[in-house]
Amino acid sequence: MRALVTGASGFVGRHLVAACAEAGEVVAEASRATGVDLLDLDGARAAVAAARPDVVYHLAALAHAGASWEDPSGYLAGNLALALSVLEAVRAEAPGATVVVIGSGEVYGPPATLPVTEDAPLRPQNPYAVSKASADLLAGFYADAHGLRVIRARPFNHAGPGQAASYAIGSFARQAAVAAEAGRDPIRIVTGNPDTRRDYSDVRDVVRAYRLLSERAEPGTYNVCSGRTASGRELLAALARTVGAGLEHEVDPALVRAHDVLEVRGSHERLRRATGWEPEIALEHTLADTVGWWREQLRAGRIAT
């Protein structure tokens, strides 16, 4: 198998590249870090032609819902243009390849019923989610109009080693690591609303789902989620257990989002039927590994306290 990964230098991309390489696949990376400007169609076509991929994983995107409010035009135009360029490049240079387009569970918006299935209407509620819904629809159009073999993955929240502190678990884990390295007990963690519940998966389970989708699934849409939820309070309690310390929790009103949805939980039944995938890594294991990664960064002097 020959795989091309766009956004390979990102959090999920690095885990996906590692998983593909471990499986013995020939992996090509397409990102600014490797000198490929995917917004340039000629550059995207050249990257696809050189890779000669059997499967293309399209992860490259601006990927933070909160930040998208500050730059809606950048998110909307950029993420749709990236998807268009990659799909056009595949159509021209590797029309027989499977294209796994990574979307987001954010495209569903506030759930009318739980768990959220792939049949739920798209009702995105932030610029990032609108951009991912647009790219998702574009990918479906390329499948219908041009016959590309397109799989649209819709991952819900995921975390793990290497995730930036701009995301909830990344932030909580970094704070826990800093406190633990300083020998503080209790550890102090600042959060937004701690009572919302989200469907979390480990990033390593998520990239395993992407690979299984490329190998076994028919074209279509697939949620990638655990089907289980945890609240912020539960995450913090688990982090305190991970570092063996007490917990001092502070809610920062500036971090509390208006109109937060109380619970988001997805169904991965379609994914399971198509591929046999089930989440394997327990949330506490994810948290422990993420804290461990942050502690390694601190000890190596790669980040400041």
C-alpha atoms as a PDB file:
ATOM      1  CA  MET A   1       0.000   0.000   0.000  1.00  0.00           C
ATOM      2  CA  ARG A   2       1.093   3.531  -0.787  1.00  0.00           C
ATOM      3  CA  ALA A   3      -0.438   6.256   1.369  1.00  0.00           C
ATOM      4  CA  LEU A   4      -0.407  10.035   1.002  1.00  0.00           C
ATOM      5  CA  VAL A   5      -1.182  12.017   4.159  1.00  0.00           C
ATOM      6  CA  THR A   6      -2.009  15.709   3.935  1.00  0.00           C
ATOM      7  CA  GLY A   7      -1.498  17.651   7.153  1.00  0.00           C
ATOM      8  CA  ALA A   8       1.057  15.032   8.134  1.00  0.00           C
ATOM      9  CA  SER A   9       2.884  17.384  10.499  1.00  0.00           C
ATOM     10  CA  GLY A  10      -0.200  18.031  12.634  1.00  0.00           C
ATOM     11  CA  PHE A  11      -1.268  16.287  15.841  1.00  0.00           C
ATOM     12  CA  VAL A  12      -3.373  13.582  14.185  1.00  0.00           C
ATOM     13  CA  GLY A  13      -1.222  13.470  11.058  1.00  0.00           C
ATOM     14  CA  ARG A  14       1.877  12.474  13.018  1.00  0.00           C
ATOM     15  CA  HIS A  15       0.018   9.588  14.644  1.00  0.00           C
ATOM     16  CA  LEU A  16      -1.442   8.475  11.306  1.00  0.00           C
ATOM     17  CA  VAL A  17       1.932   8.540   9.547  1.00  0.00           C
ATOM     18  CA  ALA A  18       3.415   6.449  12.363  1.00  0.00           C
ATOM     19  CA  ALA A  19       0.570   3.917  12.171  1.00  0.00           C
ATOM     20  CA  CYS A  20       0.875   3.586   8.396  1.00  0.00           C
ATOM     21  CA  ALA A  21       4.655   3.180   8.579  1.00  0.00           C
ATOM     22  CA  GLU A  22       4.346   0.579  11.335  1.00  0.00           C
ATOM     23  CA  ALA A  23       2.021  -1.398   9.065  1.00  0.00           C
ATOM     24  CA  GLY A  24       4.710  -1.420   6.377  1.00  0.00           C
ATOM     25  CA  GLU A  25       3.042   1.063   4.055  1.00  0.00           C
ATOM     26  CA  VAL A  26       4.981   3.492   1.879  1.00  0.00           C
ATOM     27  CA  VAL A  27       3.987   6.904   3.256  1.00  0.00           C
ATOM     28  CA  ALA A  28       4.285  10.257   1.504  1.00  0.00           C
ATOM     29  CA  GLU A  29       3.597  13.464   3.412  1.00  0.00           C
ATOM     30  CA  ALA A  30       2.075  16.622   1.962  1.00  0.00           C
ATOM     31  CA  SER A  31       2.188  19.728   4.115  1.00  0.00           C
ATOM     32  CA  ARG A  32       3.936  23.060   4.324  1.00  0.00           C
ATOM     33  CA  ALA A  33       6.516  21.332   6.513  1.00  0.00           C
ATOM     34  CA  THR A  34       7.472  19.154   3.536  1.00  0.00           C
ATOM     35  CA  GLY A  35       7.427  22.058   1.096  1.00  0.00           C
ATOM     36  CA  VAL A  36       4.027  21.302  -0.451  1.00  0.00           C
ATOM     37  CA  ASP A  37       1.493  24.130  -0.772  1.00  0.00           C
ATOM     38  CA  LEU A  38      -1.776  22.272  -1.140  1.00  0.00           C
ATOM     39  CA  LEU A  39      -3.607  25.486  -1.979  1.00  0.00           C
ATOM     40  CA  ASP A  40      -1.610  25.549  -5.222  1.00  0.00           C
ATOM     41  CA  LEU A  41      -3.315  23.070  -7.550  1.00  0.00           C
ATOM     42  CA  ASP A  42      -0.153  22.408  -9.538  1.00  0.00           C
ATOM     43  CA  GLY A  43       1.716  21.690  -6.317  1.00  0.00           C
ATOM     44  CA  ALA A  44      -1.052  19.394  -5.086  1.00  0.00           C
ATOM     45  CA  ARG A  45      -1.112  17.530  -8.393  1.00  0.00           C
ATOM     46  CA  ALA A  46       2.652  17.122  -8.327  1.00  0.00           C
ATOM     47  CA  ALA A  47       2.504  15.717  -4.789  1.00  0.00           C
ATOM     48  CA  VAL A  48      -0.204  13.202  -5.723  1.00  0.00           C
ATOM     49  CA  ALA A  49       1.570  12.208  -8.940  1.00  0.00           C
ATOM     50  CA  ALA A  50       4.847  11.642  -7.097  1.00  0.00           C
ATOM     51  CA  ALA A  51       3.211   9.623  -4.318  1.00  0.00           C
ATOM     52  CA  ARG A  52       1.214   7.341  -6.661  1.00  0.00           C
ATOM     53  CA  PRO A  53      -1.111   6.628  -3.713  1.00  0.00           C
ATOM     54  CA  ASP A  54      -3.532   3.795  -3.185  1.00  0.00           C
ATOM     55  CA  VAL A  55      -5.103   5.884  -0.418  1.00  0.00           C
ATOM     56  CA  VAL A  56      -5.091   9.605   0.338  1.00  0.00           C
ATOM     57  CA  TYR A  57      -5.860  10.754   3.867  1.00  0.00           C
ATOM     58  CA  HIS A  58      -6.882  14.399   3.774  1.00  0.00           C
ATOM     59  CA  LEU A  59      -6.289  15.882   7.227  1.00  0.00           C
ATOM     60  CA  ALA A  60      -4.843  19.283   6.305  1.00  0.00           C
ATOM     61  CA  ALA A  61      -7.058  22.047   7.682  1.00  0.00           C
ATOM     62  CA  LEU A  62      -7.340  24.908  10.102  1.00  0.00           C
ATOM     63  CA  ALA A  63      -8.725  22.958  13.012  1.00  0.00           C
ATOM     64  CA  HIS A  64      -9.807  24.943  16.054  1.00  0.00           C
ATOM     65  CA  ALA A  65     -13.471  25.799  16.554  1.00  0.00           C
ATOM     66  CA  GLY A  66     -12.794  28.564  19.057  1.00  0.00           C
ATOM     67  CA  ALA A  67     -10.150  30.279  16.921  1.00  0.00           C
ATOM     68  CA  SER A  68     -12.436  30.164  13.883  1.00  0.00           C
ATOM     69  CA  TRP A  69     -14.589  32.927  15.392  1.00  0.00           C
ATOM     70  CA  GLU A  70     -11.585  35.261  15.105  1.00  0.00           C
ATOM     71  CA  ASP A  71     -10.912  34.379  11.450  1.00  0.00           C
ATOM     72  CA  PRO A  72     -14.129  33.104   9.850  1.00  0.00           C
ATOM     73  CA  SER A  73     -13.094  33.988   6.299  1.00  0.00           C
ATOM     74  CA  GLY A  74      -9.742  32.234   6.702  1.00  0.00           C
ATOM     75  CA  TYR A  75     -11.389  29.073   7.969  1.00  0.00           C
ATOM     76  CA  LEU A  76     -14.238  29.044   5.465  1.00  0.00           C
ATOM     77  CA  ALA A  77     -12.168  29.874   2.407  1.00  0.00           C
ATOM     78  CA  GLY A  78      -9.034  27.994   3.448  1.00  0.00           C
ATOM     79  CA  ASN A  79     -10.529  24.666   4.462  1.00  0.00           C
ATOM     80  CA  LEU A  80     -12.834  24.463   1.456  1.00  0.00           C
ATOM     81  CA  ALA A  81     -10.017  25.433  -0.907  1.00  0.00           C
ATOM     82  CA  LEU A  82      -7.741  22.773   0.583  1.00  0.00           C
ATOM     83  CA  ALA A  83     -10.371  20.072   0.070  1.00  0.00           C
ATOM     84  CA  LEU A  84     -11.045  21.239  -3.482  1.00  0.00           C
ATOM     85  CA  SER A  85      -7.359  21.238  -4.391  1.00  0.00           C
ATOM     86  CA  VAL A  86      -6.757  17.744  -2.992  1.00  0.00           C
ATOM     87  CA  LEU A  87      -9.860  16.264  -4.625  1.00  0.00           C
ATOM     88  CA  GLU A  88      -8.982  17.855  -7.976  1.00  0.00           C
ATOM     89  CA  ALA A  89      -5.425  16.563  -7.719  1.00  0.00           C
ATOM     90  CA  VAL A  90      -6.639  13.034  -7.000  1.00  0.00           C
ATOM     91  CA  ARG A  91      -9.155  13.206  -9.843  1.00  0.00           C
ATOM     92  CA  ALA A  92      -6.382  14.194 -12.238  1.00  0.00           C
ATOM     93  CA  GLU A  93      -3.470  12.089 -11.010  1.00  0.00           C
ATOM     94  CA  ALA A  94      -4.817   9.101  -9.027  1.00  0.00           C
ATOM     95  CA  PRO A  95      -8.501   8.588  -9.848  1.00  0.00           C
ATOM     96  CA  GLY A  96      -8.416   5.003  -8.587  1.00  0.00           C
ATOM     97  CA  ALA A  97      -7.239   5.942  -5.099  1.00  0.00           C
ATOM     98  CA  THR A  98      -9.420   5.833  -2.022  1.00  0.00           C
ATOM     99  CA  VAL A  99      -9.771   9.285  -0.479  1.00  0.00           C
ATOM    100  CA  VAL A 100     -10.475   9.477   3.245  1.00  0.00           C
ATOM    101  CA  VAL A 101     -11.641  13.040   3.912  1.00  0.00           C
ATOM    102  CA  ILE A 102     -11.435  13.892   7.593  1.00  0.00           C
ATOM    103  CA  GLY A 103     -14.380  16.006   8.671  1.00  0.00           C
ATOM    104  CA  SER A 104     -15.714  16.614  12.166  1.00  0.00           C
ATOM    105  CA  GLY A 105     -18.563  15.671  14.458  1.00  0.00           C
ATOM    106  CA  GLU A 106     -18.975  19.444  14.848  1.00  0.00           C
ATOM    107  CA  VAL A 107     -20.908  19.444  11.566  1.00  0.00           C
ATOM    108  CA  TYR A 108     -24.014  18.138  13.363  1.00  0.00           C
ATOM    109  CA  GLY A 109     -24.292  21.053  15.785  1.00  0.00           C
ATOM    110  CA  PRO A 110     -26.546  20.748  18.862  1.00  0.00           C
ATOM    111  CA  PRO A 111     -27.895  17.187  18.873  1.00  0.00           C
ATOM    112  CA  ALA A 112     -31.640  16.707  18.606  1.00  0.00           C
ATOM    113  CA  THR A 113     -31.272  13.147  19.904  1.00  0.00           C
ATOM    114  CA  LEU A 114     -28.475  11.065  21.388  1.00  0.00           C
ATOM    115  CA  PRO A 115     -26.478   9.295  20.203  1.00  0.00           C
ATOM    116  CA  VAL A 116     -25.866  11.264  16.993  1.00  0.00           C
ATOM    117  CA  THR A 117     -25.899   9.091  13.879  1.00  0.00           C
ATOM    118  CA  GLU A 118     -24.710   9.852  10.361  1.00  0.00           C
ATOM    119  CA  ASP A 119     -28.324  10.452   9.332  1.00  0.00           C
ATOM    120  CA  ALA A 120     -28.605  13.538  11.543  1.00  0.00           C
ATOM    121  CA  PRO A 121     -28.904  16.815   9.600  1.00  0.00           C
ATOM    122  CA  LEU A 122     -25.847  19.035   9.289  1.00  0.00           C
ATOM    123  CA  ARG A 123     -26.333  22.102  11.481  1.00  0.00           C
ATOM    124  CA  PRO A 124     -22.878  23.569  12.122  1.00  0.00           C
ATOM    125  CA  GLN A 125     -22.692  26.289  14.765  1.00  0.00           C
ATOM    126  CA  ASN A 126     -19.252  27.884  14.311  1.00  0.00           C
ATOM    127  CA  PRO A 127     -17.120  28.904  11.310  1.00  0.00           C
ATOM    128  CA  TYR A 128     -14.846  25.881  11.672  1.00  0.00           C
ATOM    129  CA  ALA A 129     -17.828  23.523  11.643  1.00  0.00           C
ATOM    130  CA  VAL A 130     -19.300  25.285   8.594  1.00  0.00           C
ATOM    131  CA  SER A 131     -15.984  24.897   6.779  1.00  0.00           C
ATOM    132  CA  LYS A 132     -15.850  21.177   7.581  1.00  0.00           C
ATOM    133  CA  ALA A 133     -19.470  20.669   6.555  1.00  0.00           C
ATOM    134  CA  SER A 134     -18.709  22.429   3.261  1.00  0.00           C
ATOM    135  CA  ALA A 135     -15.674  20.228   2.617  1.00  0.00           C
ATOM    136  CA  ASP A 136     -17.726  17.151   3.543  1.00  0.00           C
ATOM    137  CA  LEU A 137     -20.411  18.090   1.007  1.00  0.00           C
ATOM    138  CA  LEU A 138     -17.768  18.832  -1.618  1.00  0.00           C
ATOM    139  CA  ALA A 139     -16.247  15.387  -1.088  1.00  0.00           C
ATOM    140  CA  GLY A 140     -19.674  13.821  -1.563  1.00  0.00           C
ATOM    141  CA  PHE A 141     -20.099  15.799  -4.774  1.00  0.00           C
ATOM    142  CA  TYR A 142     -16.774  14.512  -6.123  1.00  0.00           C
ATOM    143  CA  ALA A 143     -17.885  10.969  -5.395  1.00  0.00           C
ATOM    144  CA  ASP A 144     -21.188  11.498  -7.195  1.00  0.00           C
ATOM    145  CA  ALA A 145     -20.010  13.647 -10.106  1.00  0.00           C
ATOM    146  CA  HIS A 146     -16.578  12.166 -10.779  1.00  0.00           C
ATOM    147  CA  GLY A 147     -16.811   8.649  -9.420  1.00  0.00           C
ATOM    148  CA  LEU A 148     -14.024   9.037  -6.867  1.00  0.00           C
ATOM    149  CA  ARG A 149     -13.947   6.484  -4.076  1.00  0.00           C
ATOM    150  CA  VAL A 150     -14.508   8.887  -1.178  1.00  0.00           C
ATOM    151  CA  ILE A 151     -14.946   8.018   2.484  1.00  0.00           C
ATOM    152  CA  ARG A 152     -16.045  10.867   4.741  1.00  0.00           C
ATOM    153  CA  ALA A 153     -14.962  10.378   8.349  1.00  0.00           C
ATOM    154  CA  ARG A 154     -16.587  12.517  11.038  1.00  0.00           C
ATOM    155  CA  PRO A 155     -14.476  12.266  14.177  1.00  0.00           C
ATOM    156  CA  PHE A 156     -15.778  13.536  17.499  1.00  0.00           C
ATOM    157  CA  ASN A 157     -13.435  14.829  20.242  1.00  0.00           C
ATOM    158  CA  HIS A 158     -10.106  13.025  20.417  1.00  0.00           C
ATOM    159  CA  ALA A 159      -6.948  13.486  22.433  1.00  0.00           C
ATOM    160  CA  GLY A 160      -3.594  11.932  23.203  1.00  0.00           C
ATOM    161  CA  PRO A 161       0.149  12.511  23.350  1.00  0.00           C
ATOM    162  CA  GLY A 162       1.203  15.557  21.357  1.00  0.00           C
ATOM    163  CA  GLN A 163      -2.070  17.454  21.482  1.00  0.00           C
ATOM    164  CA  ALA A 164      -1.721  21.216  21.859  1.00  0.00           C
ATOM    165  CA  ALA A 165      -2.827  23.040  24.988  1.00  0.00           C
ATOM    166  CA  SER A 166      -5.392  24.967  22.936  1.00  0.00           C
ATOM    167  CA  TYR A 167      -7.685  21.923  23.263  1.00  0.00           C
ATOM    168  CA  ALA A 168      -9.422  20.921  26.494  1.00  0.00           C
ATOM    169  CA  ILE A 169      -7.584  17.720  27.368  1.00  0.00           C
ATOM    170  CA  GLY A 170      -4.302  19.120  26.074  1.00  0.00           C
ATOM    171  CA  SER A 171      -4.739  22.137  28.354  1.00  0.00           C
ATOM    172  CA  PHE A 172      -5.778  20.137  31.412  1.00  0.00           C
ATOM    173  CA  ALA A 173      -2.938  17.652  30.918  1.00  0.00           C
ATOM    174  CA  ARG A 174      -0.351  20.403  30.502  1.00  0.00           C
ATOM    175  CA  GLN A 175      -1.485  22.107  33.698  1.00  0.00           C
ATOM    176  CA  ALA A 176      -1.361  18.785  35.540  1.00  0.00           C
ATOM    177  CA  ALA A 177       2.120  18.054  34.185  1.00  0.00           C
ATOM    178  CA  VAL A 178       3.483  21.469  35.181  1.00  0.00           C
ATOM    179  CA  ALA A 179       2.087  21.068  38.700  1.00  0.00           C
ATOM    180  CA  ALA A 180       3.369  17.506  39.033  1.00  0.00           C
ATOM    181  CA  GLU A 181       6.861  18.442  37.841  1.00  0.00           C
ATOM    182  CA  ALA A 182       6.917  21.242  40.410  1.00  0.00           C
ATOM    183  CA  GLY A 183       5.886  18.791  43.143  1.00  0.00           C
ATOM    184  CA  ARG A 184       2.651  20.588  43.917  1.00  0.00           C
ATOM    185  CA  ASP A 185      -0.085  18.805  45.802  1.00  0.00           C
ATOM    186  CA  PRO A 186      -2.868  19.559  45.213  1.00  0.00           C
ATOM    187  CA  ILE A 187      -2.478  20.341  41.545  1.00  0.00           C
ATOM    188  CA  ARG A 188      -4.355  23.412  40.344  1.00  0.00           C
ATOM    189  CA  ILE A 189      -6.244  23.270  37.037  1.00  0.00           C
ATOM    190  CA  VAL A 190      -8.235  26.125  35.495  1.00  0.00           C
ATOM    191  CA  THR A 191     -11.130  25.273  33.154  1.00  0.00           C
ATOM    192  CA  GLY A 192     -14.212  26.609  31.471  1.00  0.00           C
ATOM    193  CA  ASN A 193     -17.581  24.951  32.066  1.00  0.00           C
ATOM    194  CA  PRO A 194     -16.720  21.655  33.824  1.00  0.00           C
ATOM    195  CA  ASP A 195     -20.188  20.120  33.506  1.00  0.00           C
ATOM    196  CA  THR A 196     -20.509  19.696  29.758  1.00  0.00           C
ATOM    197  CA  ARG A 197     -20.066  16.128  28.552  1.00  0.00           C
ATOM    198  CA  ARG A 198     -18.200  15.199  25.381  1.00  0.00           C
ATOM    199  CA  ASP A 199     -17.519  11.991  23.470  1.00  0.00           C
ATOM    200  CA  TYR A 200     -13.744  11.436  23.725  1.00  0.00           C
ATOM    201  CA  SER A 201     -11.586   8.925  21.866  1.00  0.00           C
ATOM    202  CA  ASP A 202      -7.855   8.297  21.891  1.00  0.00           C
ATOM    203  CA  VAL A 203      -6.099   9.659  18.803  1.00  0.00           C
ATOM    204  CA  ARG A 204      -4.448   6.273  18.275  1.00  0.00           C
ATOM    205  CA  ASP A 205      -7.853   4.606  18.126  1.00  0.00           C
ATOM    206  CA  VAL A 206      -8.997   7.322  15.724  1.00  0.00           C
ATOM    207  CA  VAL A 207      -6.171   6.825  13.227  1.00  0.00           C
ATOM    208  CA  ARG A 208      -6.760   3.077  13.418  1.00  0.00           C
ATOM    209  CA  ALA A 209     -10.350   3.792  12.390  1.00  0.00           C
ATOM    210  CA  TYR A 210      -9.164   5.867   9.422  1.00  0.00           C
ATOM    211  CA  ARG A 211      -6.926   3.060   8.216  1.00  0.00           C
ATOM    212  CA  LEU A 212      -9.666   0.450   8.614  1.00  0.00           C
ATOM    213  CA  LEU A 213     -12.101   2.675   6.718  1.00  0.00           C
ATOM    214  CA  SER A 214      -9.663   2.931   3.829  1.00  0.00           C
ATOM    215  CA  GLU A 215      -9.210  -0.845   3.737  1.00  0.00           C
ATOM    216  CA  ARG A 216     -12.692  -2.223   4.424  1.00  0.00           C
ATOM    217  CA  ALA A 217     -15.465   0.348   4.152  1.00  0.00           C
ATOM    218  CA  GLU A 218     -17.677   1.252   1.239  1.00  0.00           C
ATOM    219  CA  PRO A 219     -17.782   4.931   0.266  1.00  0.00           C
ATOM    220  CA  GLY A 220     -20.013   6.996   2.524  1.00  0.00           C
ATOM    221  CA  THR A 221     -20.057   8.848   5.837  1.00  0.00           C
ATOM    222  CA  TYR A 222     -18.830   7.363   9.121  1.00  0.00           C
ATOM    223  CA  ASN A 223     -18.761   8.750  12.645  1.00  0.00           C
ATOM    224  CA  VAL A 224     -15.552   8.055  14.556  1.00  0.00           C
ATOM    225  CA  CYS A 225     -16.372   8.235  18.244  1.00  0.00           C
ATOM    226  CA  SER A 226     -16.403   6.185  21.426  1.00  0.00           C
ATOM    227  CA  GLY A 227     -20.126   6.400  22.195  1.00  0.00           C
ATOM    228  CA  ARG A 228     -19.193   7.318  25.777  1.00  0.00           C
ATOM    229  CA  THR A 229     -19.032  10.758  27.376  1.00  0.00           C
ATOM    230  CA  ALA A 230     -17.082  12.352  30.178  1.00  0.00           C
ATOM    231  CA  SER A 231     -17.499  15.706  31.878  1.00  0.00           C
ATOM    232  CA  GLY A 232     -14.727  18.159  32.593  1.00  0.00           C
ATOM    233  CA  ARG A 233     -15.013  17.327  36.290  1.00  0.00           C
ATOM    234  CA  GLU A 234     -14.501  13.630  35.551  1.00  0.00           C
ATOM    235  CA  LEU A 235     -11.464  14.402  33.397  1.00  0.00           C
ATOM    236  CA  LEU A 236      -9.908  16.471  36.179  1.00  0.00           C
ATOM    237  CA  ALA A 237     -10.493  13.783  38.794  1.00  0.00           C
ATOM    238  CA  ALA A 238      -8.849  11.219  36.504  1.00  0.00           C
ATOM    239  CA  LEU A 239      -5.878  13.523  35.892  1.00  0.00           C
ATOM    240  CA  ALA A 240      -5.389  13.994  39.641  1.00  0.00           C
ATOM    241  CA  ARG A 241      -5.363  10.209  40.072  1.00  0.00           C
ATOM    242  CA  THR A 242      -2.871   9.943  37.224  1.00  0.00           C
ATOM    243  CA  VAL A 243      -0.322  12.172  38.949  1.00  0.00           C
ATOM    244  CA  GLY A 244      -1.160  10.907  42.440  1.00  0.00           C
ATOM    245  CA  ALA A 245      -2.162  14.267  43.875  1.00  0.00           C
ATOM    246  CA  GLY A 246      -5.142  16.183  45.160  1.00  0.00           C
ATOM    247  CA  LEU A 247      -7.041  18.597  42.947  1.00  0.00           C
ATOM    248  CA  GLU A 248      -7.659  22.320  43.202  1.00  0.00           C
ATOM    249  CA  HIS A 249     -10.142  23.246  40.487  1.00  0.00           C
ATOM    250  CA  GLU A 250     -10.901  26.792  39.363  1.00  0.00           C
ATOM    251  CA  VAL A 251     -13.536  27.790  36.792  1.00  0.00           C
ATOM    252  CA  ASP A 252     -12.496  30.840  34.778  1.00  0.00           C
ATOM    253  CA  PRO A 253     -15.664  32.684  33.606  1.00  0.00           C
ATOM    254  CA  ALA A 254     -13.731  33.964  30.581  1.00  0.00           C
ATOM    255  CA  LEU A 255     -13.340  30.364  29.400  1.00  0.00           C
ATOM    256  CA  VAL A 256     -17.034  29.504  29.741  1.00  0.00           C
ATOM    257  CA  ARG A 257     -18.648  29.531  26.326  1.00  0.00           C
ATOM    258  CA  ALA A 258     -22.120  30.975  25.902  1.00  0.00           C
ATOM    259  CA  HIS A 259     -24.779  28.452  24.877  1.00  0.00           C
ATOM    260  CA  ASP A 260     -22.572  25.414  25.533  1.00  0.00           C
ATOM    261  CA  VAL A 261     -24.323  22.165  24.569  1.00  0.00           C
ATOM    262  CA  LEU A 262     -24.701  20.038  27.694  1.00  0.00           C
ATOM    263  CA  GLU A 263     -23.865  16.685  26.094  1.00  0.00           C
ATOM    264  CA  VAL A 264     -22.571  15.477  22.725  1.00  0.00           C
ATOM    265  CA  ARG A 265     -22.381  11.745  22.116  1.00  0.00           C
ATOM    266  CA  GLY A 266     -22.067   9.920  18.822  1.00  0.00           C
ATOM    267  CA  SER A 267     -22.837   6.464  17.488  1.00  0.00           C
ATOM    268  CA  HIS A 268     -20.067   4.469  15.790  1.00  0.00           C
ATOM    269  CA  GLU A 269     -22.360   1.592  14.876  1.00  0.00           C
ATOM    270  CA  ARG A 270     -21.962   2.164  11.117  1.00  0.00           C
ATOM    271  CA  LEU A 271     -18.167   2.185  11.488  1.00  0.00           C
ATOM    272  CA  ARG A 272     -18.270  -0.988  13.570  1.00  0.00           C
ATOM    273  CA  ARG A 273     -20.435  -2.812  11.035  1.00  0.00           C
ATOM    274  CA  ALA A 274     -18.204  -1.789   8.147  1.00  0.00           C
ATOM    275  CA  THR A 275     -14.810  -2.424   9.703  1.00  0.00           C
ATOM    276  CA  GLY A 276     -15.135  -4.189  13.054  1.00  0.00           C
ATOM    277  CA  TRP A 277     -13.628  -1.145  14.793  1.00  0.00           C
ATOM    278  CA  GLU A 278     -14.208  -0.578  18.474  1.00  0.00           C
ATOM    279  CA  PRO A 279     -12.390   1.872  20.764  1.00  0.00           C
ATOM    280  CA  GLU A 280      -9.634   0.012  22.615  1.00  0.00           C
ATOM    281  CA  ILE A 281      -7.782   2.625  24.678  1.00  0.00           C
ATOM    282  CA  ALA A 282      -9.414   3.638  27.965  1.00  0.00           C
ATOM    283  CA  LEU A 283      -9.812   7.353  28.648  1.00  0.00           C
ATOM    284  CA  GLU A 284      -7.650   7.175  31.792  1.00  0.00           C
ATOM    285  CA  HIS A 285      -4.866   5.629  29.689  1.00  0.00           C
ATOM    286  CA  THR A 286      -5.194   8.479  27.191  1.00  0.00           C
ATOM    287  CA  LEU A 287      -4.959  11.017  29.999  1.00  0.00           C
ATOM    288  CA  ALA A 288      -1.933   9.314  31.563  1.00  0.00           C
ATOM    289  CA  ASP A 289      -0.083   9.182  28.243  1.00  0.00           C
ATOM    290  CA  THR A 290      -0.910  12.813  27.497  1.00  0.00           C
ATOM    291  CA  VAL A 291       0.348  13.980  30.899  1.00  0.00           C
ATOM    292  CA  GLY A 292       3.439  11.838  30.395  1.00  0.00           C
ATOM    293  CA  TRP A 293       4.107  13.491  27.039  1.00  0.00           C
ATOM    294  CA  TRP A 294       3.827  16.975  28.557  1.00  0.00           C
ATOM    295  CA  ARG A 295       6.185  16.000  31.378  1.00  0.00           C
ATOM    296  CA  GLU A 296       8.720  14.804  28.804  1.00  0.00           C
ATOM    297  CA  GLN A 297       8.490  18.163  27.020  1.00  0.00           C
ATOM    298  CA  LEU A 298       9.043  20.012  30.286  1.00  0.00           C
ATOM    299  CA  ARG A 299      12.043  17.899  31.267  1.00  0.00           C
ATOM    300  CA  ALA A 300      13.586  18.346  27.831  1.00  0.00           C
ATOM    301  CA  GLY A 301      13.131  22.118  28.058  1.00  0.00           C
ATOM    302  CA  ARG A 302      10.941  22.213  24.954  1.00  0.00           C
ATOM    303  CA  ILE A 303       8.239  24.222  26.724  1.00  0.00           C
ATOM    304  CA  ALA A 304       8.282  26.752  29.535  1.00  0.00           C
ATOM    305  CA  THR A 305       6.369  26.338  32.768  1.00  0.00           C
END
